[in-house]
Amino acid sequence: MSFEVGTKDCTALSDAELAEMADLCVDRDPGFDIGFLSKQCEEWVLVTHAREGSKLRGYSFSTLERIGGTPSLLIGLATVDRTAKADQALKLMLGDQYRRALLAFPDEDVLVGTRLAGPCGYQAFGGLSDVVPRPEHKPTGEERAWGRRLAKRFGADGRIDDRTFVLAGDSATTGALDFDGPKVKEPADGVAKLFAAVKAGRGDRLVTFGWAMAEDLASGTLVSGRAAR
């Protein structure tokens, strides 16, 4: 069965849709319940849904904005149903968000940032340039500054280690890009090490960002499955 993906303003979400979204992880971490998701409608502008027939297979809250003048696509949180088609659902949602980034920021490179709860989520950065953090890379001063900027935008100012990009949790439910599934490829060992200090149970997250280059946005190749570079 084919997928349908659509994006709309968060203000247009119904209570029934919020309940359906909460059901995707009602019995597992990260436990995005309907109360938490309702609050996200106030913090983010857009919501993307991926449906397979009548079944919701994934959703994502995001916003397109400029941070200090830099075009940015921020994914506040996302989760994908852990089925054999999880990878497809994620790619389709990202593809719709990249399409909107191209419309909002034509001919510009766009920073893509989010928080990750586990190594599998790193696959969302396939095709992006200069992903941080990444294995065997020592972040520059400007990259560390971006980590701090994003932590502040995610409402966690002062809680990030700007050398490891680990954002310390406070035991409350915390937004993240939640991605896994039975056919999701295991990340490389180097990626797994980036999460060594992340204690997802207390709400720790890995602030991660990369660059969607203008030419890649224009060509529509960003979700082709290439490794992050």
C-alpha atoms as a PDB file:
ATOM      1  CA  MET A   1       0.000   0.000   0.000  1.00  0.00           C
ATOM      2  CA  SER A   2       1.362   3.437  -0.915  1.00  0.00           C
ATOM      3  CA  PHE A   3       2.139   6.243   1.517  1.00  0.00           C
ATOM      4  CA  GLU A   4       0.578   9.675   1.637  1.00  0.00           C
ATOM      5  CA  VAL A   5       2.514  12.516   3.238  1.00  0.00           C
ATOM      6  CA  GLY A   6       1.171  15.942   4.084  1.00  0.00           C
ATOM      7  CA  THR A   7       2.196  18.979   6.119  1.00  0.00           C
ATOM      8  CA  LYS A   8      -0.047  21.586   7.713  1.00  0.00           C
ATOM      9  CA  ASP A   9      -0.034  24.217  10.456  1.00  0.00           C
ATOM     10  CA  CYS A  10       0.006  22.838  13.977  1.00  0.00           C
ATOM     11  CA  THR A  11      -3.013  25.002  14.796  1.00  0.00           C
ATOM     12  CA  ALA A  12      -5.071  22.831  12.423  1.00  0.00           C
ATOM     13  CA  LEU A  13      -4.484  19.624  14.420  1.00  0.00           C
ATOM     14  CA  SER A  14      -7.625  18.054  15.863  1.00  0.00           C
ATOM     15  CA  ASP A  15      -7.910  16.229  19.181  1.00  0.00           C
ATOM     16  CA  ALA A  16      -8.492  13.000  17.255  1.00  0.00           C
ATOM     17  CA  GLU A  17      -5.255  13.474  15.322  1.00  0.00           C
ATOM     18  CA  LEU A  18      -3.314  14.172  18.521  1.00  0.00           C
ATOM     19  CA  ALA A  19      -4.702  10.981  20.071  1.00  0.00           C
ATOM     20  CA  GLU A  20      -3.712   9.031  16.965  1.00  0.00           C
ATOM     21  CA  MET A  21      -0.196  10.479  17.138  1.00  0.00           C
ATOM     22  CA  ALA A  22       0.137   9.625  20.826  1.00  0.00           C
ATOM     23  CA  ASP A  23      -0.853   6.024  20.098  1.00  0.00           C
ATOM     24  CA  LEU A  24       2.319   5.495  18.028  1.00  0.00           C
ATOM     25  CA  CYS A  25       4.483   5.295  21.149  1.00  0.00           C
ATOM     26  CA  VAL A  26       1.922   4.896  23.928  1.00  0.00           C
ATOM     27  CA  ASP A  27       3.560   1.692  25.161  1.00  0.00           C
ATOM     28  CA  ARG A  28       7.245   2.516  24.630  1.00  0.00           C
ATOM     29  CA  ASP A  29       9.838   5.255  24.942  1.00  0.00           C
ATOM     30  CA  PRO A  30       9.947   8.168  24.341  1.00  0.00           C
ATOM     31  CA  GLY A  31       6.336   8.227  25.555  1.00  0.00           C
ATOM     32  CA  PHE A  32       4.972  11.225  23.689  1.00  0.00           C
ATOM     33  CA  ASP A  33       1.485  11.326  25.202  1.00  0.00           C
ATOM     34  CA  ILE A  34      -1.392  13.533  24.131  1.00  0.00           C
ATOM     35  CA  GLY A  35      -0.705  16.146  26.805  1.00  0.00           C
ATOM     36  CA  PHE A  36       2.911  16.504  25.710  1.00  0.00           C
ATOM     37  CA  LEU A  37       1.973  16.640  22.032  1.00  0.00           C
ATOM     38  CA  SER A  38      -0.624  19.338  22.705  1.00  0.00           C
ATOM     39  CA  LYS A  39       2.118  21.550  24.137  1.00  0.00           C
ATOM     40  CA  GLN A  40       4.252  20.973  21.042  1.00  0.00           C
ATOM     41  CA  CYS A  41       1.541  22.604  18.941  1.00  0.00           C
ATOM     42  CA  GLU A  42       2.397  25.851  20.733  1.00  0.00           C
ATOM     43  CA  GLU A  43       6.163  25.507  20.224  1.00  0.00           C
ATOM     44  CA  TRP A  44       6.340  24.479  16.558  1.00  0.00           C
ATOM     45  CA  VAL A  45       4.707  25.751  13.393  1.00  0.00           C
ATOM     46  CA  LEU A  46       4.297  22.738  11.111  1.00  0.00           C
ATOM     47  CA  VAL A  47       3.287  19.117  11.539  1.00  0.00           C
ATOM     48  CA  THR A  48       3.952  16.420   8.937  1.00  0.00           C
ATOM     49  CA  HIS A  49       2.030  13.138   8.786  1.00  0.00           C
ATOM     50  CA  ALA A  50       2.936   9.972   6.896  1.00  0.00           C
ATOM     51  CA  ARG A  51       0.044   7.576   6.331  1.00  0.00           C
ATOM     52  CA  GLU A  52      -0.105   4.123   4.800  1.00  0.00           C
ATOM     53  CA  GLY A  53      -3.733   3.834   3.810  1.00  0.00           C
ATOM     54  CA  SER A  54      -5.696   4.753   6.927  1.00  0.00           C
ATOM     55  CA  LYS A  55      -2.783   3.998   9.285  1.00  0.00           C
ATOM     56  CA  LEU A  56      -0.603   6.756  10.693  1.00  0.00           C
ATOM     57  CA  ARG A  57       3.018   5.631  10.286  1.00  0.00           C
ATOM     58  CA  GLY A  58       4.882   8.709  11.415  1.00  0.00           C
ATOM     59  CA  TYR A  59       4.707  12.386  12.291  1.00  0.00           C
ATOM     60  CA  SER A  60       7.046  15.303  12.794  1.00  0.00           C
ATOM     61  CA  PHE A  61       6.804  18.762  14.337  1.00  0.00           C
ATOM     62  CA  SER A  62       9.045  21.340  12.679  1.00  0.00           C
ATOM     63  CA  THR A  63       9.567  24.979  11.847  1.00  0.00           C
ATOM     64  CA  LEU A  64      11.345  26.966   9.155  1.00  0.00           C
ATOM     65  CA  GLU A  65      13.049  30.044  10.543  1.00  0.00           C
ATOM     66  CA  ARG A  66      16.226  32.064  10.493  1.00  0.00           C
ATOM     67  CA  ILE A  67      18.619  31.788  13.399  1.00  0.00           C
ATOM     68  CA  GLY A  68      20.893  34.798  13.376  1.00  0.00           C
ATOM     69  CA  GLY A  69      20.065  35.189   9.694  1.00  0.00           C
ATOM     70  CA  THR A  70      20.838  31.557   8.835  1.00  0.00           C
ATOM     71  CA  PRO A  71      18.031  29.619   7.094  1.00  0.00           C
ATOM     72  CA  SER A  72      17.104  26.712   9.359  1.00  0.00           C
ATOM     73  CA  LEU A  73      14.834  23.687   9.368  1.00  0.00           C
ATOM     74  CA  LEU A  74      14.335  22.629  12.970  1.00  0.00           C
ATOM     75  CA  ILE A  75      12.702  19.312  13.778  1.00  0.00           C
ATOM     76  CA  GLY A  76      11.334  19.656  17.285  1.00  0.00           C
ATOM     77  CA  LEU A  77      10.312  16.037  17.527  1.00  0.00           C
ATOM     78  CA  ALA A  78       9.351  13.151  15.295  1.00  0.00           C
ATOM     79  CA  THR A  79       8.437   9.521  15.676  1.00  0.00           C
ATOM     80  CA  VAL A  80       7.940   6.677  13.242  1.00  0.00           C
ATOM     81  CA  ASP A  81       5.899   3.518  13.713  1.00  0.00           C
ATOM     82  CA  ARG A  82       8.361   0.659  14.172  1.00  0.00           C
ATOM     83  CA  THR A  83       7.298  -1.404  11.192  1.00  0.00           C
ATOM     84  CA  ALA A  84       9.261  -2.881   8.311  1.00  0.00           C
ATOM     85  CA  LYS A  85       8.559   0.360   6.408  1.00  0.00           C
ATOM     86  CA  ALA A  86       9.904   2.731   9.056  1.00  0.00           C
ATOM     87  CA  ASP A  87      12.764   3.853   6.822  1.00  0.00           C
ATOM     88  CA  GLN A  88      10.377   4.692   3.990  1.00  0.00           C
ATOM     89  CA  ALA A  89       8.114   6.717   6.259  1.00  0.00           C
ATOM     90  CA  LEU A  90      11.029   8.746   7.607  1.00  0.00           C
ATOM     91  CA  LYS A  91      12.407   9.491   4.136  1.00  0.00           C
ATOM     92  CA  LEU A  92       9.036  10.651   2.888  1.00  0.00           C
ATOM     93  CA  MET A  93       8.511  12.988   5.835  1.00  0.00           C
ATOM     94  CA  LEU A  94      11.982  14.455   5.444  1.00  0.00           C
ATOM     95  CA  GLY A  95      11.419  14.841   1.717  1.00  0.00           C
ATOM     96  CA  ASP A  96       8.308  16.941   2.316  1.00  0.00           C
ATOM     97  CA  GLN A  97      10.148  19.106   4.838  1.00  0.00           C
ATOM     98  CA  TYR A  98      13.074  19.635   2.454  1.00  0.00           C
ATOM     99  CA  ARG A  99      10.646  20.616  -0.289  1.00  0.00           C
ATOM    100  CA  ARG A 100       9.208  23.283   1.978  1.00  0.00           C
ATOM    101  CA  ALA A 101      12.694  24.442   2.969  1.00  0.00           C
ATOM    102  CA  LEU A 102      13.487  24.928  -0.722  1.00  0.00           C
ATOM    103  CA  LEU A 103      10.357  27.044  -1.170  1.00  0.00           C
ATOM    104  CA  ALA A 104      11.093  29.112   1.937  1.00  0.00           C
ATOM    105  CA  PHE A 105      14.814  29.589   1.247  1.00  0.00           C
ATOM    106  CA  PRO A 106      15.443  29.283  -2.504  1.00  0.00           C
ATOM    107  CA  ASP A 107      19.121  29.206  -3.541  1.00  0.00           C
ATOM    108  CA  GLU A 108      20.309  29.082   0.077  1.00  0.00           C
ATOM    109  CA  ASP A 109      22.008  26.414   2.160  1.00  0.00           C
ATOM    110  CA  VAL A 110      19.801  25.394   5.083  1.00  0.00           C
ATOM    111  CA  LEU A 111      20.869  24.216   8.527  1.00  0.00           C
ATOM    112  CA  VAL A 112      18.902  21.145   9.633  1.00  0.00           C
ATOM    113  CA  GLY A 113      18.871  20.537  13.380  1.00  0.00           C
ATOM    114  CA  THR A 114      17.161  18.225  15.837  1.00  0.00           C
ATOM    115  CA  ARG A 115      17.684  16.142  18.978  1.00  0.00           C
ATOM    116  CA  LEU A 116      18.325  12.418  18.732  1.00  0.00           C
ATOM    117  CA  ALA A 117      17.413   9.814  21.339  1.00  0.00           C
ATOM    118  CA  GLY A 118      19.438   6.954  19.835  1.00  0.00           C
ATOM    119  CA  PRO A 119      21.954   6.050  17.125  1.00  0.00           C
ATOM    120  CA  CYS A 120      19.391   4.896  14.533  1.00  0.00           C
ATOM    121  CA  GLY A 121      18.051   8.429  14.311  1.00  0.00           C
ATOM    122  CA  TYR A 122      21.392   9.494  12.851  1.00  0.00           C
ATOM    123  CA  GLN A 123      20.183   8.057   9.543  1.00  0.00           C
ATOM    124  CA  ALA A 124      17.946  11.097   9.179  1.00  0.00           C
ATOM    125  CA  PHE A 125      21.095  13.041   8.299  1.00  0.00           C
ATOM    126  CA  GLY A 126      21.930  10.971   5.238  1.00  0.00           C
ATOM    127  CA  GLY A 127      22.843  13.272   2.349  1.00  0.00           C
ATOM    128  CA  LEU A 128      23.533  16.325   4.519  1.00  0.00           C
ATOM    129  CA  SER A 129      26.937  17.998   4.593  1.00  0.00           C
ATOM    130  CA  ASP A 130      29.197  18.677   7.569  1.00  0.00           C
ATOM    131  CA  VAL A 131      27.055  16.790  10.079  1.00  0.00           C
ATOM    132  CA  VAL A 132      27.949  17.521  13.706  1.00  0.00           C
ATOM    133  CA  PRO A 133      28.733  15.594  15.777  1.00  0.00           C
ATOM    134  CA  ARG A 134      30.202  12.845  13.647  1.00  0.00           C
ATOM    135  CA  PRO A 135      32.792  10.109  14.242  1.00  0.00           C
ATOM    136  CA  GLU A 136      36.450  11.151  14.354  1.00  0.00           C
ATOM    137  CA  HIS A 137      35.608  14.839  14.048  1.00  0.00           C
ATOM    138  CA  LYS A 138      36.723  17.525  16.482  1.00  0.00           C
ATOM    139  CA  PRO A 139      34.109  20.302  16.405  1.00  0.00           C
ATOM    140  CA  THR A 140      35.240  23.803  15.597  1.00  0.00           C
ATOM    141  CA  GLY A 141      34.427  26.808  17.735  1.00  0.00           C
ATOM    142  CA  GLU A 142      31.647  27.825  15.343  1.00  0.00           C
ATOM    143  CA  GLU A 143      30.148  24.315  15.408  1.00  0.00           C
ATOM    144  CA  ARG A 144      30.172  24.335  19.197  1.00  0.00           C
ATOM    145  CA  ALA A 145      28.454  27.712  19.100  1.00  0.00           C
ATOM    146  CA  TRP A 146      25.756  26.223  16.855  1.00  0.00           C
ATOM    147  CA  GLY A 147      25.233  23.466  19.403  1.00  0.00           C
ATOM    148  CA  ARG A 148      24.616  26.079  22.085  1.00  0.00           C
ATOM    149  CA  ARG A 149      22.283  28.076  19.828  1.00  0.00           C
ATOM    150  CA  LEU A 150      20.208  24.999  19.078  1.00  0.00           C
ATOM    151  CA  ALA A 151      20.083  23.952  22.729  1.00  0.00           C
ATOM    152  CA  LYS A 152      18.705  27.402  23.552  1.00  0.00           C
ATOM    153  CA  ARG A 153      16.145  27.131  20.745  1.00  0.00           C
ATOM    154  CA  PHE A 154      15.072  23.740  22.125  1.00  0.00           C
ATOM    155  CA  GLY A 155      14.460  25.331  25.520  1.00  0.00           C
ATOM    156  CA  ALA A 156      17.526  23.861  27.203  1.00  0.00           C
ATOM    157  CA  ASP A 157      19.919  26.787  27.419  1.00  0.00           C
ATOM    158  CA  GLY A 158      23.020  25.947  29.468  1.00  0.00           C
ATOM    159  CA  ARG A 159      22.373  22.190  29.523  1.00  0.00           C
ATOM    160  CA  ILE A 160      24.517  21.148  26.561  1.00  0.00           C
ATOM    161  CA  ASP A 161      28.088  19.874  26.642  1.00  0.00           C
ATOM    162  CA  ASP A 162      29.340  21.721  23.563  1.00  0.00           C
ATOM    163  CA  ARG A 163      32.166  19.239  23.012  1.00  0.00           C
ATOM    164  CA  THR A 164      30.055  16.070  22.960  1.00  0.00           C
ATOM    165  CA  PHE A 165      26.713  17.785  22.042  1.00  0.00           C
ATOM    166  CA  VAL A 166      24.946  15.770  24.732  1.00  0.00           C
ATOM    167  CA  LEU A 167      21.976  17.684  26.101  1.00  0.00           C
ATOM    168  CA  ALA A 168      21.330  16.794  29.741  1.00  0.00           C
ATOM    169  CA  GLY A 169      17.756  15.790  30.520  1.00  0.00           C
ATOM    170  CA  ASP A 170      15.741  16.648  33.600  1.00  0.00           C
ATOM    171  CA  SER A 171      13.712  13.416  33.800  1.00  0.00           C
ATOM    172  CA  ALA A 172      10.789  15.071  31.997  1.00  0.00           C
ATOM    173  CA  THR A 173       9.475  13.995  28.597  1.00  0.00           C
ATOM    174  CA  THR A 174      11.794  15.552  26.024  1.00  0.00           C
ATOM    175  CA  GLY A 175      11.358  16.010  22.290  1.00  0.00           C
ATOM    176  CA  ALA A 176      13.510  13.965  19.952  1.00  0.00           C
ATOM    177  CA  LEU A 177      13.619  12.374  16.538  1.00  0.00           C
ATOM    178  CA  ASP A 178      12.616   8.825  17.471  1.00  0.00           C
ATOM    179  CA  PHE A 179      13.434   6.298  14.754  1.00  0.00           C
ATOM    180  CA  ASP A 180      13.891   2.523  14.714  1.00  0.00           C
ATOM    181  CA  GLY A 181      12.368  -0.566  13.118  1.00  0.00           C
ATOM    182  CA  PRO A 182      12.972  -4.228  12.312  1.00  0.00           C
ATOM    183  CA  LYS A 183      14.652  -3.450   8.978  1.00  0.00           C
ATOM    184  CA  VAL A 184      16.525  -0.319  10.031  1.00  0.00           C
ATOM    185  CA  LYS A 185      20.246  -0.768   9.465  1.00  0.00           C
ATOM    186  CA  GLU A 186      22.467  -0.716  12.515  1.00  0.00           C
ATOM    187  CA  PRO A 187      24.582   2.457  12.579  1.00  0.00           C
ATOM    188  CA  ALA A 188      28.348   2.309  12.293  1.00  0.00           C
ATOM    189  CA  ASP A 189      30.294   1.760  15.510  1.00  0.00           C
ATOM    190  CA  GLY A 190      31.565   5.312  15.415  1.00  0.00           C
ATOM    191  CA  VAL A 191      28.027   6.672  15.460  1.00  0.00           C
ATOM    192  CA  ALA A 192      27.054   4.484  18.396  1.00  0.00           C
ATOM    193  CA  LYS A 193      29.983   5.929  20.385  1.00  0.00           C
ATOM    194  CA  LEU A 194      28.538   9.421  20.007  1.00  0.00           C
ATOM    195  CA  PHE A 195      25.680   8.255  22.241  1.00  0.00           C
ATOM    196  CA  ALA A 196      27.872   6.657  24.919  1.00  0.00           C
ATOM    197  CA  ALA A 197      27.050   9.379  27.452  1.00  0.00           C
ATOM    198  CA  VAL A 198      23.385   9.733  26.471  1.00  0.00           C
ATOM    199  CA  LYS A 199      20.997   8.440  29.129  1.00  0.00           C
ATOM    200  CA  ALA A 200      17.755   8.479  27.187  1.00  0.00           C
ATOM    201  CA  GLY A 201      15.748   7.364  30.222  1.00  0.00           C
ATOM    202  CA  ARG A 202      16.335  10.681  31.989  1.00  0.00           C
ATOM    203  CA  GLY A 203      15.695  12.670  28.808  1.00  0.00           C
ATOM    204  CA  ASP A 204      19.260  13.114  27.552  1.00  0.00           C
ATOM    205  CA  ARG A 205      19.482  13.886  23.842  1.00  0.00           C
ATOM    206  CA  LEU A 206      22.211  14.358  21.255  1.00  0.00           C
ATOM    207  CA  VAL A 207      21.889  17.728  19.528  1.00  0.00           C
ATOM    208  CA  THR A 208      22.702  17.031  15.901  1.00  0.00           C
ATOM    209  CA  PHE A 209      22.779  19.268  12.855  1.00  0.00           C
ATOM    210  CA  GLY A 210      23.973  19.340   9.275  1.00  0.00           C
ATOM    211  CA  TRP A 211      23.668  21.393   6.123  1.00  0.00           C
ATOM    212  CA  ALA A 212      21.230  20.868   3.294  1.00  0.00           C
ATOM    213  CA  MET A 213      23.101  22.422   0.398  1.00  0.00           C
ATOM    214  CA  ALA A 214      21.142  24.573  -2.018  1.00  0.00           C
ATOM    215  CA  GLU A 215      22.001  22.372  -5.008  1.00  0.00           C
ATOM    216  CA  ASP A 216      20.901  19.222  -3.167  1.00  0.00           C
ATOM    217  CA  LEU A 217      17.608  20.810  -2.143  1.00  0.00           C
ATOM    218  CA  ALA A 218      16.998  21.897  -5.728  1.00  0.00           C
ATOM    219  CA  SER A 219      17.779  18.453  -7.169  1.00  0.00           C
ATOM    220  CA  GLY A 220      15.675  16.583  -4.610  1.00  0.00           C
ATOM    221  CA  THR A 221      18.415  14.035  -3.866  1.00  0.00           C
ATOM    222  CA  LEU A 222      18.705  14.523  -0.112  1.00  0.00           C
ATOM    223  CA  VAL A 223      16.729  11.423   0.867  1.00  0.00           C
ATOM    224  CA  SER A 224      18.439   9.083  -1.567  1.00  0.00           C
ATOM    225  CA  GLY A 225      20.100   7.191   1.269  1.00  0.00           C
ATOM    226  CA  ARG A 226      23.647   8.512   0.929  1.00  0.00           C
ATOM    227  CA  ALA A 227      25.671   8.530   4.109  1.00  0.00           C
ATOM    228  CA  ALA A 228      26.087  11.811   5.929  1.00  0.00           C
ATOM    229  CA  ARG A 229      29.303  13.547   5.009  1.00  0.00           C
END
